[in-house]
């Protein structure tokens, strides 16, 4: 399961706070949410402080999102390693 909470401190940026697993069908849910967020504001951040796991599809999505300019914050060293950081 993946819970996504939106936090917009101002109109120029939006943080999506993620809780749970980025795996299976939840990858598609996150992708849609990110695409919507990218249309709304110039800066989109994903807060990974409560992410517990990723599957291969999740890693692939996050790499694509990073290339599109989405920022990933508060990721564990394991997740950073999976993303090649």
Protein backbone atom coordinates (compact mmCIF):
# COMPACT_ATOMS: atom_id res chain seq x y z
CA UNK A 1 0.00 0.00 0.00
CA UNK A 2 1.10 3.56 -0.71
CA UNK A 3 -0.31 6.68 0.88
CA UNK A 4 0.34 10.02 -0.84
CA UNK A 5 -0.22 13.31 0.98
CA UNK A 6 0.12 16.66 -0.79
CA UNK A 7 1.88 19.54 0.93
CA UNK A 8 2.08 22.88 -0.90
CA UNK A 9 3.81 25.57 1.16
CA UNK A 10 3.30 28.01 -1.72
CA UNK A 11 2.23 28.01 -5.37
CA UNK A 12 5.76 27.44 -6.70
CA UNK A 13 6.37 24.01 -5.20
CA UNK A 14 4.55 20.89 -4.13
CA UNK A 15 5.78 18.06 -1.94
CA UNK A 16 4.22 14.62 -2.14
CA UNK A 17 4.78 12.82 1.15
CA UNK A 18 4.95 9.09 0.47
CA UNK A 19 4.23 6.40 3.05
CA UNK A 20 4.52 2.67 2.41
CA UNK A 21 5.59 0.65 -0.61
CA UNK A 22 6.23 1.84 -4.14
CA UNK A 23 5.48 -1.47 -5.78
CA UNK A 24 3.03 -3.29 -8.02
CA UNK A 25 -0.11 -1.30 -8.90
CA UNK A 26 0.97 1.56 -6.62
CA UNK A 27 3.67 2.54 -9.14
CA UNK A 28 0.96 3.61 -11.60
CA UNK A 29 -0.84 5.57 -8.90
CA UNK A 30 2.34 7.46 -8.02
CA UNK A 31 3.09 8.14 -11.68
CA UNK A 32 -0.35 9.68 -12.25
CA UNK A 33 -0.06 11.78 -9.11
CA UNK A 34 3.38 13.05 -10.13
CA UNK A 35 2.27 13.91 -13.66
CA UNK A 36 -0.67 15.88 -12.26
CA UNK A 37 1.62 17.66 -9.80
CA UNK A 38 4.10 18.55 -12.55
CA UNK A 39 1.29 20.24 -14.48
CA UNK A 40 0.31 22.29 -11.42
CA UNK A 41 3.63 23.62 -10.17
CA UNK A 42 7.22 24.09 -11.39
CA UNK A 43 8.86 22.24 -8.47
CA UNK A 44 7.74 18.79 -7.39
CA UNK A 45 9.42 16.95 -4.54
CA UNK A 46 8.88 13.41 -3.30
CA UNK A 47 9.44 12.98 0.44
CA UNK A 48 10.72 9.45 1.04
CA UNK A 49 11.03 9.60 4.83
CA UNK A 50 8.27 6.98 5.26
CA UNK A 51 8.89 4.76 2.20
CA UNK A 52 9.58 1.19 3.25
CA UNK A 53 10.31 -0.56 -0.06
CA UNK A 54 10.53 -0.28 -3.84
CA UNK A 55 10.20 -2.86 -6.56
CA UNK A 56 11.91 -2.78 -9.97
CA UNK A 57 9.04 -0.88 -11.59
CA UNK A 58 9.15 1.67 -8.78
CA UNK A 59 12.88 2.24 -9.27
CA UNK A 60 12.40 2.66 -13.03
CA UNK A 61 9.61 5.20 -12.48
CA UNK A 62 11.67 7.20 -10.01
CA UNK A 63 14.62 7.35 -12.40
CA UNK A 64 12.31 8.71 -15.13
CA UNK A 65 10.80 11.23 -12.74
CA UNK A 66 14.23 12.42 -11.64
CA UNK A 67 15.20 12.97 -15.29
CA UNK A 68 12.01 15.03 -15.67
CA UNK A 69 13.11 17.24 -12.75
CA UNK A 70 11.26 15.72 -9.80
CA UNK A 71 13.33 15.99 -6.62
CA UNK A 72 13.61 13.10 -4.17
CA UNK A 73 14.23 14.09 -0.56
CA UNK A 74 14.73 12.23 2.72
CA UNK A 75 15.55 8.92 0.99
CA UNK A 76 17.46 6.25 2.88
CA UNK A 77 20.95 5.28 1.75
CA UNK A 78 19.52 2.00 0.41
CA UNK A 79 17.00 3.81 -1.77
CA UNK A 80 19.64 6.30 -2.90
CA UNK A 81 21.80 3.36 -3.92
CA UNK A 82 18.97 1.82 -5.94
CA UNK A 83 18.50 5.14 -7.73
CA UNK A 84 22.21 5.44 -8.49
CA UNK A 85 22.89 8.42 -6.27
